[in-house]
Amino acid sequence: MTHPFHPLWGREYDLIDYRHFWSEDRVVYVDETGQARSLPARWTSAVAEDPAVVVSAGRSHFRVADLLELAKLVRGAV
């Protein structure tokens, strides 16, 4: 898990499957309880790092596309 704010950050799991569902690429893994779980592939090392994050050299953990999506979600919740 490479997403810096996810509770599982830093943990490693075996990749069971990589597929496109729920409108995004997701990885499937088995957690400590034996349950199959999935999460966005971009939160893991299963995909290459976003070039914007690489160029920022650690100064930013966010992509513009993700921040714009967050702004839409926040506007919808108000």
PDB file of N, CA and C in Angstrom:
ATOM      1  N   MET A   1       0.850  -1.163   0.000  1.00  0.00           N
ATOM      2  CA  MET A   1       0.000   0.000   0.000  1.00  0.00           C
ATOM      3  C   MET A   1       0.896   1.225   0.000  1.00  0.00           C
ATOM      4  N   THR A   2       0.764   2.042  -1.022  1.00  0.00           N
ATOM      5  CA  THR A   2       1.630   3.215  -1.127  1.00  0.00           C
ATOM      6  C   THR A   2       0.905   4.535  -0.914  1.00  0.00           C
ATOM      7  N   HIS A   3      -0.441   4.524  -0.809  1.00  0.00           N
ATOM      8  CA  HIS A   3      -1.182   5.768  -0.591  1.00  0.00           C
ATOM      9  C   HIS A   3      -0.837   6.280   0.801  1.00  0.00           C
ATOM     10  N   PRO A   4      -0.296   7.503   0.906  1.00  0.00           N
ATOM     11  CA  PRO A   4       0.237   7.972   2.189  1.00  0.00           C
ATOM     12  C   PRO A   4      -0.780   8.146   3.308  1.00  0.00           C
ATOM     13  N   PHE A   5      -2.064   8.267   2.996  1.00  0.00           N
ATOM     14  CA  PHE A   5      -3.053   8.490   4.048  1.00  0.00           C
ATOM     15  C   PHE A   5      -3.962   7.295   4.277  1.00  0.00           C
ATOM     16  N   HIS A   6      -3.691   6.187   3.626  1.00  0.00           N
ATOM     17  CA  HIS A   6      -4.512   4.995   3.815  1.00  0.00           C
ATOM     18  C   HIS A   6      -4.064   4.286   5.092  1.00  0.00           C
ATOM     19  N   PRO A   7      -5.005   3.731   5.875  1.00  0.00           N
ATOM     20  CA  PRO A   7      -4.622   3.057   7.126  1.00  0.00           C
ATOM     21  C   PRO A   7      -3.691   1.859   6.922  1.00  0.00           C
ATOM     22  N   LEU A   8      -3.678   1.287   5.736  1.00  0.00           N
ATOM     23  CA  LEU A   8      -2.790   0.149   5.465  1.00  0.00           C
ATOM     24  C   LEU A   8      -1.462   0.581   4.845  1.00  0.00           C
ATOM     25  N   TRP A   9      -1.175   1.870   4.847  1.00  0.00           N
ATOM     26  CA  TRP A   9       0.047   2.388   4.237  1.00  0.00           C
ATOM     27  C   TRP A   9       1.272   1.633   4.750  1.00  0.00           C
ATOM     28  N   GLY A  10       2.121   1.232   3.826  1.00  0.00           N
ATOM     29  CA  GLY A  10       3.355   0.546   4.175  1.00  0.00           C
ATOM     30  C   GLY A  10       3.241  -0.965   4.273  1.00  0.00           C
ATOM     31  N   ARG A  11       2.032  -1.493   4.329  1.00  0.00           N
ATOM     32  CA  ARG A  11       1.855  -2.947   4.395  1.00  0.00           C
ATOM     33  C   ARG A  11       1.997  -3.554   3.007  1.00  0.00           C
ATOM     34  N   GLU A  12       2.424  -4.797   2.978  1.00  0.00           N
ATOM     35  CA  GLU A  12       2.566  -5.515   1.709  1.00  0.00           C
ATOM     36  C   GLU A  12       1.630  -6.715   1.696  1.00  0.00           C
ATOM     37  N   TYR A  13       0.987  -6.908   0.552  1.00  0.00           N
ATOM     38  CA  TYR A  13       0.088  -8.034   0.339  1.00  0.00           C
ATOM     39  C   TYR A  13       0.413  -8.664  -1.001  1.00  0.00           C
ATOM     40  N   ASP A  14       0.109  -9.943  -1.139  1.00  0.00           N
ATOM     41  CA  ASP A  14       0.273 -10.609  -2.423  1.00  0.00           C
ATOM     42  C   ASP A  14      -0.864 -10.192  -3.339  1.00  0.00           C
ATOM     43  N   LEU A  15      -0.520  -9.857  -4.557  1.00  0.00           N
ATOM     44  CA  LEU A  15      -1.507  -9.478  -5.559  1.00  0.00           C
ATOM     45  C   LEU A  15      -2.200 -10.733  -6.067  1.00  0.00           C
ATOM     46  N   ILE A  16      -3.516 -10.787  -5.942  1.00  0.00           N
ATOM     47  CA  ILE A  16      -4.302 -11.928  -6.401  1.00  0.00           C
ATOM     48  C   ILE A  16      -4.819 -11.687  -7.812  1.00  0.00           C
ATOM     49  N   ASP A  17      -5.271 -10.445  -8.076  1.00  0.00           N
ATOM     50  CA  ASP A  17      -5.820 -10.120  -9.390  1.00  0.00           C
ATOM     51  C   ASP A  17      -5.710  -8.621  -9.625  1.00  0.00           C
ATOM     52  N   TYR A  18      -5.609  -8.261 -10.880  1.00  0.00           N
ATOM     53  CA  TYR A  18      -5.580  -6.861 -11.303  1.00  0.00           C
ATOM     54  C   TYR A  18      -6.621  -6.752 -12.392  1.00  0.00           C
ATOM     55  N   ARG A  19      -7.652  -5.941 -12.161  1.00  0.00           N
ATOM     56  CA  ARG A  19      -8.716  -5.861 -13.162  1.00  0.00           C
ATOM     57  C   ARG A  19      -9.379  -4.495 -13.148  1.00  0.00           C
ATOM     58  N   HIS A  20     -10.161  -4.268 -14.181  1.00  0.00           N
ATOM     59  CA  HIS A  20     -10.901  -3.020 -14.304  1.00  0.00           C
ATOM     60  C   HIS A  20     -12.351  -3.268 -13.901  1.00  0.00           C
ATOM     61  N   PHE A  21     -12.765  -2.699 -12.788  1.00  0.00           N
ATOM     62  CA  PHE A  21     -14.165  -2.737 -12.386  1.00  0.00           C
ATOM     63  C   PHE A  21     -14.447  -1.540 -11.496  1.00  0.00           C
ATOM     64  N   TRP A  22     -15.737  -1.228 -11.369  1.00  0.00           N
ATOM     65  CA  TRP A  22     -16.170  -0.023 -10.669  1.00  0.00           C
ATOM     66  C   TRP A  22     -15.532   1.219 -11.293  1.00  0.00           C
ATOM     67  N   SER A  23     -15.399   1.206 -12.625  1.00  0.00           N
ATOM     68  CA  SER A  23     -14.899   2.342 -13.422  1.00  0.00           C
ATOM     69  C   SER A  23     -13.435   2.688 -13.175  1.00  0.00           C
ATOM     70  N   GLU A  24     -12.662   1.756 -12.661  1.00  0.00           N
ATOM     71  CA  GLU A  24     -11.239   2.034 -12.453  1.00  0.00           C
ATOM     72  C   GLU A  24     -10.459   0.731 -12.378  1.00  0.00           C
ATOM     73  N   ASP A  25      -9.135   0.833 -12.508  1.00  0.00           N
ATOM     74  CA  ASP A  25      -8.281  -0.332 -12.321  1.00  0.00           C
ATOM     75  C   ASP A  25      -8.158  -0.585 -10.830  1.00  0.00           C
ATOM     76  N   ARG A  26      -8.356  -1.839 -10.435  1.00  0.00           N
ATOM     77  CA  ARG A  26      -8.302  -2.207  -9.023  1.00  0.00           C
ATOM     78  C   ARG A  26      -7.442  -3.447  -8.840  1.00  0.00           C
ATOM     79  N   VAL A  27      -6.860  -3.578  -7.668  1.00  0.00           N
ATOM     80  CA  VAL A  27      -6.118  -4.778  -7.317  1.00  0.00           C
ATOM     81  C   VAL A  27      -6.925  -5.561  -6.294  1.00  0.00           C
ATOM     82  N   VAL A  28      -6.788  -6.864  -6.342  1.00  0.00           N
ATOM     83  CA  VAL A  28      -7.460  -7.742  -5.382  1.00  0.00           C
ATOM     84  C   VAL A  28      -6.366  -8.431  -4.569  1.00  0.00           C
ATOM     85  N   TYR A  29      -6.549  -8.454  -3.261  1.00  0.00           N
ATOM     86  CA  TYR A  29      -5.600  -9.093  -2.350  1.00  0.00           C
ATOM     87  C   TYR A  29      -6.394  -9.780  -1.247  1.00  0.00           C
ATOM     88  N   VAL A  30      -5.726 -10.614  -0.471  1.00  0.00           N
ATOM     89  CA  VAL A  30      -6.360 -11.281   0.664  1.00  0.00           C
ATOM     90  C   VAL A  30      -5.815 -10.648   1.938  1.00  0.00           C
ATOM     91  N   ASP A  31      -6.725 -10.174   2.798  1.00  0.00           N
ATOM     92  CA  ASP A  31      -6.285  -9.519   4.030  1.00  0.00           C
ATOM     93  C   ASP A  31      -5.957 -10.541   5.123  1.00  0.00           C
ATOM     94  N   GLU A  32      -5.648 -10.032   6.317  1.00  0.00           N
ATOM     95  CA  GLU A  32      -5.235 -10.893   7.427  1.00  0.00           C
ATOM     96  C   GLU A  32      -6.317 -11.865   7.874  1.00  0.00           C
ATOM     97  N   THR A  33      -7.581 -11.549   7.608  1.00  0.00           N
ATOM     98  CA  THR A  33      -8.683 -12.417   8.021  1.00  0.00           C
ATOM     99  C   THR A  33      -9.039 -13.447   6.956  1.00  0.00           C
ATOM    100  N   GLY A  34      -8.332 -13.417   5.811  1.00  0.00           N
ATOM    101  CA  GLY A  34      -8.613 -14.352   4.729  1.00  0.00           C
ATOM    102  C   GLY A  34      -9.650 -13.856   3.745  1.00  0.00           C
ATOM    103  N   GLN A  35     -10.112 -12.623   3.912  1.00  0.00           N
ATOM    104  CA  GLN A  35     -11.106 -12.035   3.023  1.00  0.00           C
ATOM    105  C   GLN A  35     -10.442 -11.441   1.792  1.00  0.00           C
ATOM    106  N   ALA A  36     -11.027 -11.660   0.622  1.00  0.00           N
ATOM    107  CA  ALA A  36     -10.556 -11.001  -0.601  1.00  0.00           C
ATOM    108  C   ALA A  36     -11.041  -9.562  -0.558  1.00  0.00           C
ATOM    109  N   ARG A  37     -10.151  -8.644  -0.766  1.00  0.00           N
ATOM    110  CA  ARG A  37     -10.460  -7.215  -0.754  1.00  0.00           C
ATOM    111  C   ARG A  37      -9.939  -6.595  -2.046  1.00  0.00           C
ATOM    112  N   SER A  38     -10.506  -5.451  -2.402  1.00  0.00           N
ATOM    113  CA  SER A  38      -9.982  -4.729  -3.562  1.00  0.00           C
ATOM    114  C   SER A  38      -9.845  -3.263  -3.210  1.00  0.00           C
ATOM    115  N   LEU A  39      -8.954  -2.601  -3.921  1.00  0.00           N
ATOM    116  CA  LEU A  39      -8.763  -1.176  -3.767  1.00  0.00           C
ATOM    117  C   LEU A  39      -8.183  -0.620  -5.054  1.00  0.00           C
ATOM    118  N   PRO A  40      -8.233   0.698  -5.246  1.00  0.00           N
ATOM    119  CA  PRO A  40      -7.719   1.270  -6.479  1.00  0.00           C
ATOM    120  C   PRO A  40      -6.244   0.928  -6.690  1.00  0.00           C
ATOM    121  N   ALA A  41      -5.929   0.497  -7.891  1.00  0.00           N
ATOM    122  CA  ALA A  41      -4.551   0.113  -8.207  1.00  0.00           C
ATOM    123  C   ALA A  41      -3.584   1.278  -8.025  1.00  0.00           C
ATOM    124  N   ARG A  42      -4.070   2.501  -8.246  1.00  0.00           N
ATOM    125  CA  ARG A  42      -3.174   3.657  -8.137  1.00  0.00           C
ATOM    126  C   ARG A  42      -2.737   3.928  -6.706  1.00  0.00           C
ATOM    127  N   TRP A  43      -3.381   3.286  -5.728  1.00  0.00           N
ATOM    128  CA  TRP A  43      -2.958   3.419  -4.338  1.00  0.00           C
ATOM    129  C   TRP A  43      -1.853   2.433  -3.983  1.00  0.00           C
ATOM    130  N   THR A  44      -1.408   1.646  -4.954  1.00  0.00           N
ATOM    131  CA  THR A  44      -0.432   0.592  -4.704  1.00  0.00           C
ATOM    132  C   THR A  44       0.768   0.743  -5.627  1.00  0.00           C
ATOM    133  N   SER A  45       1.722  -0.138  -5.462  1.00  0.00           N
ATOM    134  CA  SER A  45       2.889  -0.153  -6.347  1.00  0.00           C
ATOM    135  C   SER A  45       2.643  -1.007  -7.585  1.00  0.00           C
ATOM    136  N   ALA A  46       1.394  -1.445  -7.806  1.00  0.00           N
ATOM    137  CA  ALA A  46       1.069  -2.252  -8.989  1.00  0.00           C
ATOM    138  C   ALA A  46       1.091  -1.418 -10.263  1.00  0.00           C
ATOM    139  N   VAL A  47       1.036  -0.112 -10.130  1.00  0.00           N
ATOM    140  CA  VAL A  47       1.129   0.784 -11.283  1.00  0.00           C
ATOM    141  C   VAL A  47       2.318   1.714 -11.079  1.00  0.00           C
ATOM    142  N   ALA A  48       2.825   2.235 -12.173  1.00  0.00           N
ATOM    143  CA  ALA A  48       3.959   3.155 -12.088  1.00  0.00           C
ATOM    144  C   ALA A  48       3.536   4.435 -11.374  1.00  0.00           C
ATOM    145  N   GLU A  49       4.484   5.065 -10.715  1.00  0.00           N
ATOM    146  CA  GLU A  49       4.179   6.321 -10.035  1.00  0.00           C
ATOM    147  C   GLU A  49       3.737   7.364 -11.040  1.00  0.00           C
ATOM    148  N   ASP A  50       2.814   8.213 -10.617  1.00  0.00           N
ATOM    149  CA  ASP A  50       2.344   9.294 -11.458  1.00  0.00           C
ATOM    150  C   ASP A  50       3.503  10.250 -11.733  1.00  0.00           C
ATOM    151  N   PRO A  51       3.708  10.651 -12.995  1.00  0.00           N
ATOM    152  CA  PRO A  51       4.821  11.559 -13.315  1.00  0.00           C
ATOM    153  C   PRO A  51       4.799  12.861 -12.511  1.00  0.00           C
ATOM    154  N   ALA A  52       3.621  13.391 -12.218  1.00  0.00           N
ATOM    155  CA  ALA A  52       3.542  14.632 -11.436  1.00  0.00           C
ATOM    156  C   ALA A  52       4.107  14.434 -10.038  1.00  0.00           C
ATOM    157  N   VAL A  53       3.867  13.282  -9.458  1.00  0.00           N
ATOM    158  CA  VAL A  53       4.390  12.991  -8.119  1.00  0.00           C
ATOM    159  C   VAL A  53       5.908  12.817  -8.175  1.00  0.00           C
ATOM    160  N   VAL A  54       6.387  12.169  -9.220  1.00  0.00           N
ATOM    161  CA  VAL A  54       7.832  11.972  -9.381  1.00  0.00           C
ATOM    162  C   VAL A  54       8.540  13.312  -9.555  1.00  0.00           C
ATOM    163  N   VAL A  55       7.999  14.164 -10.415  1.00  0.00           N
ATOM    164  CA  VAL A  55       8.607  15.481 -10.672  1.00  0.00           C
ATOM    165  C   VAL A  55       8.582  16.347  -9.424  1.00  0.00           C
ATOM    166  N   SER A  56       7.556  16.198  -8.591  1.00  0.00           N
ATOM    167  CA  SER A  56       7.477  17.013  -7.380  1.00  0.00           C
ATOM    168  C   SER A  56       8.514  16.594  -6.345  1.00  0.00           C
ATOM    169  N   ALA A  57       9.153  15.454  -6.573  1.00  0.00           N
ATOM    170  CA  ALA A  57      10.240  14.972  -5.703  1.00  0.00           C
ATOM    171  C   ALA A  57       9.817  14.901  -4.240  1.00  0.00           C
ATOM    172  N   GLY A  58       8.616  14.387  -3.990  1.00  0.00           N
ATOM    173  CA  GLY A  58       8.164  14.214  -2.620  1.00  0.00           C
ATOM    174  C   GLY A  58       7.499  15.417  -2.006  1.00  0.00           C
ATOM    175  N   ARG A  59       7.446  16.538  -2.726  1.00  0.00           N
ATOM    176  CA  ARG A  59       6.819  17.739  -2.179  1.00  0.00           C
ATOM    177  C   ARG A  59       5.307  17.687  -2.275  1.00  0.00           C
ATOM    178  N   SER A  60       4.766  16.769  -3.094  1.00  0.00           N
ATOM    179  CA  SER A  60       3.317  16.662  -3.237  1.00  0.00           C
ATOM    180  C   SER A  60       2.926  15.202  -3.382  1.00  0.00           C
ATOM    181  N   HIS A  61       1.915  14.790  -2.628  1.00  0.00           N
ATOM    182  CA  HIS A  61       1.413  13.422  -2.724  1.00  0.00           C
ATOM    183  C   HIS A  61       0.135  13.366  -3.538  1.00  0.00           C
ATOM    184  N   PHE A  62      -0.276  14.490  -4.098  1.00  0.00           N
ATOM    185  CA  PHE A  62      -1.560  14.563  -4.777  1.00  0.00           C
ATOM    186  C   PHE A  62      -1.399  14.860  -6.260  1.00  0.00           C
ATOM    187  N   ARG A  63      -2.280  14.270  -7.055  1.00  0.00           N
ATOM    188  CA  ARG A  63      -2.345  14.574  -8.475  1.00  0.00           C
ATOM    189  C   ARG A  63      -3.458  15.590  -8.676  1.00  0.00           C
ATOM    190  N   VAL A  64      -3.308  16.448  -9.677  1.00  0.00           N
ATOM    191  CA  VAL A  64      -4.325  17.454  -9.955  1.00  0.00           C
ATOM    192  C   VAL A  64      -5.679  16.793 -10.206  1.00  0.00           C
ATOM    193  N   ALA A  65      -5.700  15.720 -10.981  1.00  0.00           N
ATOM    194  CA  ALA A  65      -6.967  15.037 -11.276  1.00  0.00           C
ATOM    195  C   ALA A  65      -7.658  14.572  -9.993  1.00  0.00           C
ATOM    196  N   ASP A  66      -6.887  14.066  -9.026  1.00  0.00           N
ATOM    197  CA  ASP A  66      -7.466  13.610  -7.764  1.00  0.00           C
ATOM    198  C   ASP A  66      -8.003  14.782  -6.943  1.00  0.00           C
ATOM    199  N   LEU A  67      -7.288  15.898  -6.934  1.00  0.00           N
ATOM    200  CA  LEU A  67      -7.751  17.068  -6.183  1.00  0.00           C
ATOM    201  C   LEU A  67      -9.026  17.639  -6.799  1.00  0.00           C
ATOM    202  N   LEU A  68      -9.119  17.653  -8.123  1.00  0.00           N
ATOM    203  CA  LEU A  68     -10.338  18.126  -8.776  1.00  0.00           C
ATOM    204  C   LEU A  68     -11.514  17.216  -8.451  1.00  0.00           C
ATOM    205  N   GLU A  69     -11.282  15.902  -8.436  1.00  0.00           N
ATOM    206  CA  GLU A  69     -12.340  14.956  -8.076  1.00  0.00           C
ATOM    207  C   GLU A  69     -12.769  15.162  -6.622  1.00  0.00           C
ATOM    208  N   LEU A  70     -11.820  15.394  -5.736  1.00  0.00           N
ATOM    209  CA  LEU A  70     -12.137  15.663  -4.333  1.00  0.00           C
ATOM    210  C   LEU A  70     -12.975  16.925  -4.197  1.00  0.00           C
ATOM    211  N   ALA A  71     -12.630  17.968  -4.943  1.00  0.00           N
ATOM    212  CA  ALA A  71     -13.398  19.218  -4.887  1.00  0.00           C
ATOM    213  C   ALA A  71     -14.835  18.976  -5.324  1.00  0.00           C
ATOM    214  N   LYS A  72     -15.036  18.160  -6.362  1.00  0.00           N
ATOM    215  CA  LYS A  72     -16.395  17.834  -6.800  1.00  0.00           C
ATOM    216  C   LYS A  72     -17.162  17.102  -5.701  1.00  0.00           C
ATOM    217  N   LEU A  73     -16.506  16.152  -5.052  1.00  0.00           N
ATOM    218  CA  LEU A  73     -17.157  15.399  -3.983  1.00  0.00           C
ATOM    219  C   LEU A  73     -17.540  16.287  -2.815  1.00  0.00           C
ATOM    220  N   VAL A  74     -16.648  17.193  -2.448  1.00  0.00           N
ATOM    221  CA  VAL A  74     -16.917  18.098  -1.335  1.00  0.00           C
ATOM    222  C   VAL A  74     -18.056  19.039  -1.678  1.00  0.00           C
ATOM    223  N   ARG A  75     -18.065  19.575  -2.901  1.00  0.00           N
ATOM    224  CA  ARG A  75     -19.161  20.460  -3.309  1.00  0.00           C
ATOM    225  C   ARG A  75     -20.497  19.734  -3.258  1.00  0.00           C
ATOM    226  N   GLY A  76     -20.512  18.460  -3.632  1.00  0.00           N
ATOM    227  CA  GLY A  76     -21.741  17.679  -3.624  1.00  0.00           C
ATOM    228  C   GLY A  76     -22.223  17.352  -2.224  1.00  0.00           C
ATOM    229  N   ALA A  77     -21.341  17.358  -1.244  1.00  0.00           N
ATOM    230  CA  ALA A  77     -21.702  17.003   0.125  1.00  0.00           C
ATOM    231  C   ALA A  77     -22.243  18.187   0.902  1.00  0.00           C
ATOM    232  N   VAL A  78     -22.067  19.371   0.376  1.00  0.00           N
ATOM    233  CA  VAL A  78     -22.492  20.577   1.100  1.00  0.00           C
ATOM    234  C   VAL A  78     -23.946  20.864   0.879  1.00  0.00           C
TER     235      VAL A  78
END
